[in-house]
């Protein structure tokens, strides 16, 4: 997921962070990939 916010980080890959997209919550891992299944 590439940051859609119109700020200095527009287009940056999200890493090691939560993100809410269209009302749903996701976790993006250290390599930027979306977490699936059980994840700590």
ModelCIF file with pLDDT and N, C-alpha, C, O atoms, coordinates in Angstrom:
data_MODEL
#
_entry.id   MODEL 
#
_entity.id                         1 
_entity.type                       polymer 
_entity.pdbx_number_of_molecules   1 
#
_entity_poly.entity_id                      1 
_entity_poly.type                           'polypeptide(L)' 
_entity_poly.nstd_linkage                   no 
_entity_poly.nstd_monomer                   no 
_entity_poly.pdbx_seq_one_letter_code       
;(UNK)(UNK)(UNK)(UNK)(UNK)(UNK)(UNK)(UNK)(UNK)(UNK)(UNK)(UNK)(UNK)(UNK)(UNK)(UNK)
(UNK)(UNK)(UNK)(UNK)(UNK)(UNK)(UNK)(UNK)(UNK)(UNK)(UNK)(UNK)(UNK)(UNK)(UNK)(UNK)
(UNK)(UNK)(UNK)(UNK)(UNK)(UNK)(UNK)(UNK)
;
_entity_poly.pdbx_seq_one_letter_code_can   XXXXXXXXXXXXXXXXXXXXXXXXXXXXXXXXXXXXXXXX 
_entity_poly.pdbx_strand_id                 A 
#
loop_
_entity_poly_seq.entity_id 
_entity_poly_seq.num 
_entity_poly_seq.mon_id 
_entity_poly_seq.hetero 
1 1  UNK n 
1 2  UNK n 
1 3  UNK n 
1 4  UNK n 
1 5  UNK n 
1 6  UNK n 
1 7  UNK n 
1 8  UNK n 
1 9  UNK n 
1 10 UNK n 
1 11 UNK n 
1 12 UNK n 
1 13 UNK n 
1 14 UNK n 
1 15 UNK n 
1 16 UNK n 
1 17 UNK n 
1 18 UNK n 
1 19 UNK n 
1 20 UNK n 
1 21 UNK n 
1 22 UNK n 
1 23 UNK n 
1 24 UNK n 
1 25 UNK n 
1 26 UNK n 
1 27 UNK n 
1 28 UNK n 
1 29 UNK n 
1 30 UNK n 
1 31 UNK n 
1 32 UNK n 
1 33 UNK n 
1 34 UNK n 
1 35 UNK n 
1 36 UNK n 
1 37 UNK n 
1 38 UNK n 
1 39 UNK n 
1 40 UNK n 
#
_struct_asym.id          A 
_struct_asym.entity_id   1 
#
loop_
_ma_qa_metric.id 
_ma_qa_metric.mode 
_ma_qa_metric.name 
_ma_qa_metric.software_group_id 
_ma_qa_metric.type 
1 global pLDDT . pLDDT 
2 local  pLDDT . pLDDT 
#
_ma_qa_metric_global.metric_id      1 
_ma_qa_metric_global.metric_value   93.00 
_ma_qa_metric_global.model_id       1 
_ma_qa_metric_global.ordinal_id     1 
#
loop_
_ma_qa_metric_local.label_asym_id 
_ma_qa_metric_local.label_comp_id 
_ma_qa_metric_local.label_seq_id 
_ma_qa_metric_local.metric_id 
_ma_qa_metric_local.metric_value 
_ma_qa_metric_local.model_id 
_ma_qa_metric_local.ordinal_id 
A UNK 1  2 96.00 1 1  
A UNK 2  2 96.00 1 2  
A UNK 3  2 94.00 1 3  
A UNK 4  2 91.00 1 4  
A UNK 5  2 86.00 1 5  
A UNK 6  2 76.00 1 6  
A UNK 7  2 77.00 1 7  
A UNK 8  2 76.00 1 8  
A UNK 9  2 86.00 1 9  
A UNK 10 2 92.00 1 10 
A UNK 11 2 94.00 1 11 
A UNK 12 2 95.00 1 12 
A UNK 13 2 96.00 1 13 
A UNK 14 2 96.00 1 14 
A UNK 15 2 95.00 1 15 
A UNK 16 2 95.00 1 16 
A UNK 17 2 94.00 1 17 
A UNK 18 2 95.00 1 18 
A UNK 19 2 94.00 1 19 
A UNK 20 2 94.00 1 20 
A UNK 21 2 93.00 1 21 
A UNK 22 2 91.00 1 22 
A UNK 23 2 92.00 1 23 
A UNK 24 2 94.00 1 24 
A UNK 25 2 96.00 1 25 
A UNK 26 2 97.00 1 26 
A UNK 27 2 97.00 1 27 
A UNK 28 2 97.00 1 28 
A UNK 29 2 96.00 1 29 
A UNK 30 2 94.00 1 30 
A UNK 31 2 95.00 1 31 
A UNK 32 2 95.00 1 32 
A UNK 33 2 96.00 1 33 
A UNK 34 2 96.00 1 34 
A UNK 35 2 96.00 1 35 
A UNK 36 2 95.00 1 36 
A UNK 37 2 95.00 1 37 
A UNK 38 2 96.00 1 38 
A UNK 39 2 96.00 1 39 
A UNK 40 2 95.00 1 40 
#
loop_
_atom_site.group_PDB 
_atom_site.id 
_atom_site.type_symbol 
_atom_site.label_atom_id 
_atom_site.label_alt_id 
_atom_site.label_comp_id 
_atom_site.label_asym_id 
_atom_site.label_entity_id 
_atom_site.label_seq_id 
_atom_site.pdbx_PDB_ins_code 
_atom_site.Cartn_x 
_atom_site.Cartn_y 
_atom_site.Cartn_z 
_atom_site.occupancy 
_atom_site.B_iso_or_equiv 
_atom_site.pdbx_formal_charge 
_atom_site.auth_seq_id 
_atom_site.auth_comp_id 
_atom_site.auth_asym_id 
_atom_site.auth_atom_id 
_atom_site.pdbx_PDB_model_num 
ATOM 1   N N  . UNK A 1 1  ? 0.847   -1.196  0.000  1.00 96.00 ? 1  UNK A N  1 
ATOM 2   C CA . UNK A 1 1  ? 0.000   0.000   0.000  1.00 96.00 ? 1  UNK A CA 1 
ATOM 3   C C  . UNK A 1 1  ? 0.884   1.248   0.000  1.00 96.00 ? 1  UNK A C  1 
ATOM 4   O O  . UNK A 1 1  ? 1.729   1.430   0.876  1.00 96.00 ? 1  UNK A O  1 
ATOM 5   N N  . UNK A 1 2  ? 0.669   2.099   -1.003 1.00 96.00 ? 2  UNK A N  1 
ATOM 6   C CA . UNK A 1 2  ? 1.455   3.307   -1.178 1.00 96.00 ? 2  UNK A CA 1 
ATOM 7   C C  . UNK A 1 2  ? 0.656   4.497   -0.648 1.00 96.00 ? 2  UNK A C  1 
ATOM 8   O O  . UNK A 1 2  ? -0.490  4.714   -1.041 1.00 96.00 ? 2  UNK A O  1 
ATOM 9   N N  . UNK A 1 3  ? 1.267   5.248   0.233  1.00 94.00 ? 3  UNK A N  1 
ATOM 10  C CA . UNK A 1 3  ? 0.599   6.320   0.964  1.00 94.00 ? 3  UNK A CA 1 
ATOM 11  C C  . UNK A 1 3  ? -0.166  7.275   0.035  1.00 94.00 ? 3  UNK A C  1 
ATOM 12  O O  . UNK A 1 3  ? 0.435   7.905   -0.834 1.00 94.00 ? 3  UNK A O  1 
ATOM 13  N N  . UNK A 1 4  ? -1.520  7.385   0.221  1.00 91.00 ? 4  UNK A N  1 
ATOM 14  C CA . UNK A 1 4  ? -2.296  8.273   -0.651 1.00 91.00 ? 4  UNK A CA 1 
ATOM 15  C C  . UNK A 1 4  ? -2.446  9.678   -0.098 1.00 91.00 ? 4  UNK A C  1 
ATOM 16  O O  . UNK A 1 4  ? -3.033  10.535  -0.757 1.00 91.00 ? 4  UNK A O  1 
ATOM 17  N N  . UNK A 1 5  ? -1.925  9.939   1.107  1.00 86.00 ? 5  UNK A N  1 
ATOM 18  C CA . UNK A 1 5  ? -2.098  11.238  1.748  1.00 86.00 ? 5  UNK A CA 1 
ATOM 19  C C  . UNK A 1 5  ? -1.258  12.300  1.043  1.00 86.00 ? 5  UNK A C  1 
ATOM 20  O O  . UNK A 1 5  ? -0.085  12.083  0.740  1.00 86.00 ? 5  UNK A O  1 
ATOM 21  N N  . UNK A 1 6  ? -1.878  13.446  0.789  1.00 76.00 ? 6  UNK A N  1 
ATOM 22  C CA . UNK A 1 6  ? -1.170  14.529  0.104  1.00 76.00 ? 6  UNK A CA 1 
ATOM 23  C C  . UNK A 1 6  ? -0.241  15.245  1.080  1.00 76.00 ? 6  UNK A C  1 
ATOM 24  O O  . UNK A 1 6  ? -0.554  16.331  1.568  1.00 76.00 ? 6  UNK A O  1 
ATOM 25  N N  . UNK A 1 7  ? 0.893   14.629  1.353  1.00 77.00 ? 7  UNK A N  1 
ATOM 26  C CA . UNK A 1 7  ? 1.883   15.242  2.229  1.00 77.00 ? 7  UNK A CA 1 
ATOM 27  C C  . UNK A 1 7  ? 3.275   14.902  1.702  1.00 77.00 ? 7  UNK A C  1 
ATOM 28  O O  . UNK A 1 7  ? 3.422   14.438  0.571  1.00 77.00 ? 7  UNK A O  1 
ATOM 29  N N  . UNK A 1 8  ? 4.303   15.138  2.535  1.00 76.00 ? 8  UNK A N  1 
ATOM 30  C CA . UNK A 1 8  ? 5.681   14.911  2.084  1.00 76.00 ? 8  UNK A CA 1 
ATOM 31  C C  . UNK A 1 8  ? 5.961   13.449  1.776  1.00 76.00 ? 8  UNK A C  1 
ATOM 32  O O  . UNK A 1 8  ? 6.945   13.140  1.104  1.00 76.00 ? 8  UNK A O  1 
ATOM 33  N N  . UNK A 1 9  ? 5.106   12.536  2.259  1.00 86.00 ? 9  UNK A N  1 
ATOM 34  C CA . UNK A 1 9  ? 5.328   11.099  2.061  1.00 86.00 ? 9  UNK A CA 1 
ATOM 35  C C  . UNK A 1 9  ? 4.336   10.504  1.060  1.00 86.00 ? 9  UNK A C  1 
ATOM 36  O O  . UNK A 1 9  ? 4.084   9.299   1.079  1.00 86.00 ? 9  UNK A O  1 
ATOM 37  N N  . UNK A 1 10 ? 3.779   11.335  0.197  1.00 92.00 ? 10 UNK A N  1 
ATOM 38  C CA . UNK A 1 10 ? 2.868   10.847  -0.833 1.00 92.00 ? 10 UNK A CA 1 
ATOM 39  C C  . UNK A 1 10 ? 3.545   9.767   -1.666 1.00 92.00 ? 10 UNK A C  1 
ATOM 40  O O  . UNK A 1 10 ? 4.653   9.963   -2.163 1.00 92.00 ? 10 UNK A O  1 
ATOM 41  N N  . UNK A 1 11 ? 2.872   8.618   -1.818 1.00 94.00 ? 11 UNK A N  1 
ATOM 42  C CA . UNK A 1 11 ? 3.377   7.539   -2.648 1.00 94.00 ? 11 UNK A CA 1 
ATOM 43  C C  . UNK A 1 11 ? 4.363   6.612   -1.985 1.00 94.00 ? 11 UNK A C  1 
ATOM 44  O O  . UNK A 1 11 ? 4.776   5.624   -2.592 1.00 94.00 ? 11 UNK A O  1 
ATOM 45  N N  . UNK A 1 12 ? 4.768   6.907   -0.717 1.00 95.00 ? 12 UNK A N  1 
ATOM 46  C CA . UNK A 1 12 ? 5.724   6.037   -0.024 1.00 95.00 ? 12 UNK A CA 1 
ATOM 47  C C  . UNK A 1 12 ? 5.064   4.720   0.374  1.00 95.00 ? 12 UNK A C  1 
ATOM 48  O O  . UNK A 1 12 ? 3.894   4.699   0.757  1.00 95.00 ? 12 UNK A O  1 
ATOM 49  N N  . UNK A 1 13 ? 5.817   3.617   0.285  1.00 96.00 ? 13 UNK A N  1 
ATOM 50  C CA . UNK A 1 13 ? 5.331   2.327   0.748  1.00 96.00 ? 13 UNK A CA 1 
ATOM 51  C C  . UNK A 1 13 ? 5.169   2.355   2.266  1.00 96.00 ? 13 UNK A C  1 
ATOM 52  O O  . UNK A 1 13 ? 6.055   2.832   2.976  1.00 96.00 ? 13 UNK A O  1 
ATOM 53  N N  . UNK A 1 14 ? 4.034   1.843   2.770  1.00 96.00 ? 14 UNK A N  1 
ATOM 54  C CA . UNK A 1 14 ? 3.826   1.740   4.210  1.00 96.00 ? 14 UNK A CA 1 
ATOM 55  C C  . UNK A 1 14 ? 4.543   0.512   4.741  1.00 96.00 ? 14 UNK A C  1 
ATOM 56  O O  . UNK A 1 14 ? 4.443   -0.573  4.168  1.00 96.00 ? 14 UNK A O  1 
ATOM 57  N N  . UNK A 1 15 ? 5.272   0.688   5.848  1.00 95.00 ? 15 UNK A N  1 
ATOM 58  C CA . UNK A 1 15 ? 5.992   -0.414  6.481  1.00 95.00 ? 15 UNK A CA 1 
ATOM 59  C C  . UNK A 1 15 ? 5.805   -0.334  7.990  1.00 95.00 ? 15 UNK A C  1 
ATOM 60  O O  . UNK A 1 15 ? 5.755   0.752   8.568  1.00 95.00 ? 15 UNK A O  1 
ATOM 61  N N  . UNK A 1 16 ? 5.700   -1.539  8.638  1.00 95.00 ? 16 UNK A N  1 
ATOM 62  C CA . UNK A 1 16 ? 5.619   -1.620  10.100 1.00 95.00 ? 16 UNK A CA 1 
ATOM 63  C C  . UNK A 1 16 ? 4.609   -0.641  10.665 1.00 95.00 ? 16 UNK A C  1 
ATOM 64  O O  . UNK A 1 16 ? 4.925   0.123   11.577 1.00 95.00 ? 16 UNK A O  1 
ATOM 65  N N  . UNK A 1 17 ? 3.413   -0.657  10.140 1.00 94.00 ? 17 UNK A N  1 
ATOM 66  C CA . UNK A 1 17 ? 2.403   0.273   10.649 1.00 94.00 ? 17 UNK A CA 1 
ATOM 67  C C  . UNK A 1 17 ? 0.996   -0.191  10.282 1.00 94.00 ? 17 UNK A C  1 
ATOM 68  O O  . UNK A 1 17 ? 0.774   -0.963  9.349  1.00 94.00 ? 17 UNK A O  1 
ATOM 69  N N  . UNK A 1 18 ? 0.054   0.335   11.083 1.00 95.00 ? 18 UNK A N  1 
ATOM 70  C CA . UNK A 1 18 ? -1.357  0.102   10.809 1.00 95.00 ? 18 UNK A CA 1 
ATOM 71  C C  . UNK A 1 18 ? -1.829  1.109   9.766  1.00 95.00 ? 18 UNK A C  1 
ATOM 72  O O  . UNK A 1 18 ? -1.256  2.188   9.616  1.00 95.00 ? 18 UNK A O  1 
ATOM 73  N N  . UNK A 1 19 ? -2.875  0.737   9.056  1.00 94.00 ? 19 UNK A N  1 
ATOM 74  C CA . UNK A 1 19 ? -3.514  1.663   8.125  1.00 94.00 ? 19 UNK A CA 1 
ATOM 75  C C  . UNK A 1 19 ? -4.985  1.288   8.005  1.00 94.00 ? 19 UNK A C  1 
ATOM 76  O O  . UNK A 1 19 ? -5.334  0.109   7.949  1.00 94.00 ? 19 UNK A O  1 
ATOM 77  N N  . UNK A 1 20 ? -5.836  2.295   7.967  1.00 94.00 ? 20 UNK A N  1 
ATOM 78  C CA . UNK A 1 20 ? -7.263  2.084   7.747  1.00 94.00 ? 20 UNK A CA 1 
ATOM 79  C C  . UNK A 1 20 ? -7.593  2.507   6.327  1.00 94.00 ? 20 UNK A C  1 
ATOM 80  O O  . UNK A 1 20 ? -7.359  3.650   5.936  1.00 94.00 ? 20 UNK A O  1 
ATOM 81  N N  . UNK A 1 21 ? -8.135  1.579   5.564  1.00 93.00 ? 21 UNK A N  1 
ATOM 82  C CA . UNK A 1 21 ? -8.471  1.818   4.170  1.00 93.00 ? 21 UNK A CA 1 
ATOM 83  C C  . UNK A 1 21 ? -9.931  1.449   3.955  1.00 93.00 ? 21 UNK A C  1 
ATOM 84  O O  . UNK A 1 21 ? -10.325 0.303   4.171  1.00 93.00 ? 21 UNK A O  1 
ATOM 85  N N  . UNK A 1 22 ? -10.731 2.418   3.531  1.00 91.00 ? 22 UNK A N  1 
ATOM 86  C CA . UNK A 1 22 ? -12.165 2.185   3.293  1.00 91.00 ? 22 UNK A CA 1 
ATOM 87  C C  . UNK A 1 22 ? -12.835 1.564   4.515  1.00 91.00 ? 22 UNK A C  1 
ATOM 88  O O  . UNK A 1 22 ? -13.677 0.675   4.386  1.00 91.00 ? 22 UNK A O  1 
ATOM 89  N N  . UNK A 1 23 ? -12.451 2.046   5.715  1.00 92.00 ? 23 UNK A N  1 
ATOM 90  C CA . UNK A 1 23 ? -13.099 1.613   6.946  1.00 92.00 ? 23 UNK A CA 1 
ATOM 91  C C  . UNK A 1 23 ? -12.591 0.305   7.521  1.00 92.00 ? 23 UNK A C  1 
ATOM 92  O O  . UNK A 1 23 ? -13.088 -0.135  8.558  1.00 92.00 ? 23 UNK A O  1 
ATOM 93  N N  . UNK A 1 24 ? -11.609 -0.338  6.878  1.00 94.00 ? 24 UNK A N  1 
ATOM 94  C CA . UNK A 1 24 ? -11.063 -1.599  7.365  1.00 94.00 ? 24 UNK A CA 1 
ATOM 95  C C  . UNK A 1 24 ? -9.594  -1.411  7.751  1.00 94.00 ? 24 UNK A C  1 
ATOM 96  O O  . UNK A 1 24 ? -8.887  -0.582  7.178  1.00 94.00 ? 24 UNK A O  1 
ATOM 97  N N  . UNK A 1 25 ? -9.150  -2.206  8.741  1.00 96.00 ? 25 UNK A N  1 
ATOM 98  C CA . UNK A 1 25 ? -7.813  -2.025  9.300  1.00 96.00 ? 25 UNK A CA 1 
ATOM 99  C C  . UNK A 1 25 ? -6.860  -3.106  8.812  1.00 96.00 ? 25 UNK A C  1 
ATOM 100 O O  . UNK A 1 25 ? -7.205  -4.286  8.763  1.00 96.00 ? 25 UNK A O  1 
ATOM 101 N N  . UNK A 1 26 ? -5.645  -2.676  8.450  1.00 97.00 ? 26 UNK A N  1 
ATOM 102 C CA . UNK A 1 26 ? -4.623  -3.579  7.913  1.00 97.00 ? 26 UNK A CA 1 
ATOM 103 C C  . UNK A 1 26 ? -3.309  -3.348  8.654  1.00 97.00 ? 26 UNK A C  1 
ATOM 104 O O  . UNK A 1 26 ? -3.078  -2.277  9.216  1.00 97.00 ? 26 UNK A O  1 
ATOM 105 N N  . UNK A 1 27 ? -2.439  -4.386  8.645  1.00 97.00 ? 27 UNK A N  1 
ATOM 106 C CA . UNK A 1 27 ? -1.082  -4.229  9.137  1.00 97.00 ? 27 UNK A CA 1 
ATOM 107 C C  . UNK A 1 27 ? -0.118  -4.514  7.997  1.00 97.00 ? 27 UNK A C  1 
ATOM 108 O O  . UNK A 1 27 ? -0.232  -5.519  7.294  1.00 97.00 ? 27 UNK A O  1 
ATOM 109 N N  . UNK A 1 28 ? 0.849   -3.588  7.831  1.00 97.00 ? 28 UNK A N  1 
ATOM 110 C CA . UNK A 1 28 ? 1.850   -3.760  6.786  1.00 97.00 ? 28 UNK A CA 1 
ATOM 111 C C  . UNK A 1 28 ? 3.192   -4.069  7.437  1.00 97.00 ? 28 UNK A C  1 
ATOM 112 O O  . UNK A 1 28 ? 3.661   -3.329  8.303  1.00 97.00 ? 28 UNK A O  1 
ATOM 113 N N  . UNK A 1 29 ? 3.795   -5.158  7.015  1.00 96.00 ? 29 UNK A N  1 
ATOM 114 C CA . UNK A 1 29 ? 4.971   -5.719  7.666  1.00 96.00 ? 29 UNK A CA 1 
ATOM 115 C C  . UNK A 1 29 ? 6.224   -4.898  7.359  1.00 96.00 ? 29 UNK A C  1 
ATOM 116 O O  . UNK A 1 29 ? 6.157   -3.877  6.675  1.00 96.00 ? 29 UNK A O  1 
ATOM 117 N N  . UNK A 1 30 ? 7.372   -5.362  7.877  1.00 94.00 ? 30 UNK A N  1 
ATOM 118 C CA . UNK A 1 30 ? 8.627   -4.630  7.706  1.00 94.00 ? 30 UNK A CA 1 
ATOM 119 C C  . UNK A 1 30 ? 9.070   -4.542  6.250  1.00 94.00 ? 30 UNK A C  1 
ATOM 120 O O  . UNK A 1 30 ? 9.788   -3.615  5.878  1.00 94.00 ? 30 UNK A O  1 
ATOM 121 N N  . UNK A 1 31 ? 8.643   -5.513  5.409  1.00 95.00 ? 31 UNK A N  1 
ATOM 122 C CA . UNK A 1 31 ? 8.986   -5.419  3.978  1.00 95.00 ? 31 UNK A CA 1 
ATOM 123 C C  . UNK A 1 31 ? 7.878   -4.751  3.170  1.00 95.00 ? 31 UNK A C  1 
ATOM 124 O O  . UNK A 1 31 ? 7.951   -4.686  1.943  1.00 95.00 ? 31 UNK A O  1 
ATOM 125 N N  . UNK A 1 32 ? 6.845   -4.252  3.866  1.00 95.00 ? 32 UNK A N  1 
ATOM 126 C CA . UNK A 1 32 ? 5.766   -3.526  3.220  1.00 95.00 ? 32 UNK A CA 1 
ATOM 127 C C  . UNK A 1 32 ? 4.595   -4.369  2.783  1.00 95.00 ? 32 UNK A C  1 
ATOM 128 O O  . UNK A 1 32 ? 3.565   -3.824  2.387  1.00 95.00 ? 32 UNK A O  1 
ATOM 129 N N  . UNK A 1 33 ? 4.719   -5.697  2.841  1.00 96.00 ? 33 UNK A N  1 
ATOM 130 C CA . UNK A 1 33 ? 3.626   -6.545  2.387  1.00 96.00 ? 33 UNK A CA 1 
ATOM 131 C C  . UNK A 1 33 ? 2.498   -6.575  3.408  1.00 96.00 ? 33 UNK A C  1 
ATOM 132 O O  . UNK A 1 33 ? 2.737   -6.433  4.607  1.00 96.00 ? 33 UNK A O  1 
ATOM 133 N N  . UNK A 1 34 ? 1.292   -6.756  2.944  1.00 96.00 ? 34 UNK A N  1 
ATOM 134 C CA . UNK A 1 34 ? 0.113   -6.816  3.794  1.00 96.00 ? 34 UNK A CA 1 
ATOM 135 C C  . UNK A 1 34 ? 0.093   -8.125  4.583  1.00 96.00 ? 34 UNK A C  1 
ATOM 136 O O  . UNK A 1 34 ? 0.270   -9.200  4.009  1.00 96.00 ? 34 UNK A O  1 
ATOM 137 N N  . UNK A 1 35 ? -0.123  -8.036  5.904  1.00 96.00 ? 35 UNK A N  1 
ATOM 138 C CA . UNK A 1 35 ? -0.185  -9.230  6.752  1.00 96.00 ? 35 UNK A CA 1 
ATOM 139 C C  . UNK A 1 35 ? -1.442  -10.035 6.441  1.00 96.00 ? 35 UNK A C  1 
ATOM 140 O O  . UNK A 1 35 ? -2.496  -9.473  6.145  1.00 96.00 ? 35 UNK A O  1 
ATOM 141 N N  . UNK A 1 36 ? -1.315  -11.366 6.513  1.00 95.00 ? 36 UNK A N  1 
ATOM 142 C CA . UNK A 1 36 ? -2.453  -12.266 6.326  1.00 95.00 ? 36 UNK A CA 1 
ATOM 143 C C  . UNK A 1 36 ? -2.351  -13.388 7.344  1.00 95.00 ? 36 UNK A C  1 
ATOM 144 O O  . UNK A 1 36 ? -1.255  -13.776 7.747  1.00 95.00 ? 36 UNK A O  1 
ATOM 145 N N  . UNK A 1 37 ? -3.521  -13.916 7.763  1.00 95.00 ? 37 UNK A N  1 
ATOM 146 C CA . UNK A 1 37 ? -3.542  -14.980 8.759  1.00 95.00 ? 37 UNK A CA 1 
ATOM 147 C C  . UNK A 1 37 ? -3.173  -14.454 10.134 1.00 95.00 ? 37 UNK A C  1 
ATOM 148 O O  . UNK A 1 37 ? -3.317  -13.262 10.408 1.00 95.00 ? 37 UNK A O  1 
ATOM 149 N N  . UNK A 1 38 ? -2.691  -15.353 11.013 1.00 96.00 ? 38 UNK A N  1 
ATOM 150 C CA . UNK A 1 38 ? -2.273  -14.927 12.353 1.00 96.00 ? 38 UNK A CA 1 
ATOM 151 C C  . UNK A 1 38 ? -0.949  -14.184 12.274 1.00 96.00 ? 38 UNK A C  1 
ATOM 152 O O  . UNK A 1 38 ? -0.014  -14.625 11.604 1.00 96.00 ? 38 UNK A O  1 
ATOM 153 N N  . UNK A 1 39 ? -0.878  -13.037 12.974 1.00 96.00 ? 39 UNK A N  1 
ATOM 154 C CA . UNK A 1 39 ? 0.336   -12.230 12.927 1.00 96.00 ? 39 UNK A CA 1 
ATOM 155 C C  . UNK A 1 39 ? 0.486   -11.477 14.250 1.00 96.00 ? 39 UNK A C  1 
ATOM 156 O O  . UNK A 1 39 ? -0.481  -10.930 14.780 1.00 96.00 ? 39 UNK A O  1 
ATOM 157 N N  . UNK A 1 40 ? 1.715   -11.459 14.771 1.00 95.00 ? 40 UNK A N  1 
ATOM 158 C CA . UNK A 1 40 ? 1.967   -10.798 16.045 1.00 95.00 ? 40 UNK A CA 1 
ATOM 159 C C  . UNK A 1 40 ? 2.454   -9.362  15.818 1.00 95.00 ? 40 UNK A C  1 
ATOM 160 O O  . UNK A 1 40 ? 2.721   -8.640  16.779 1.00 95.00 ? 40 UNK A O  1 
#
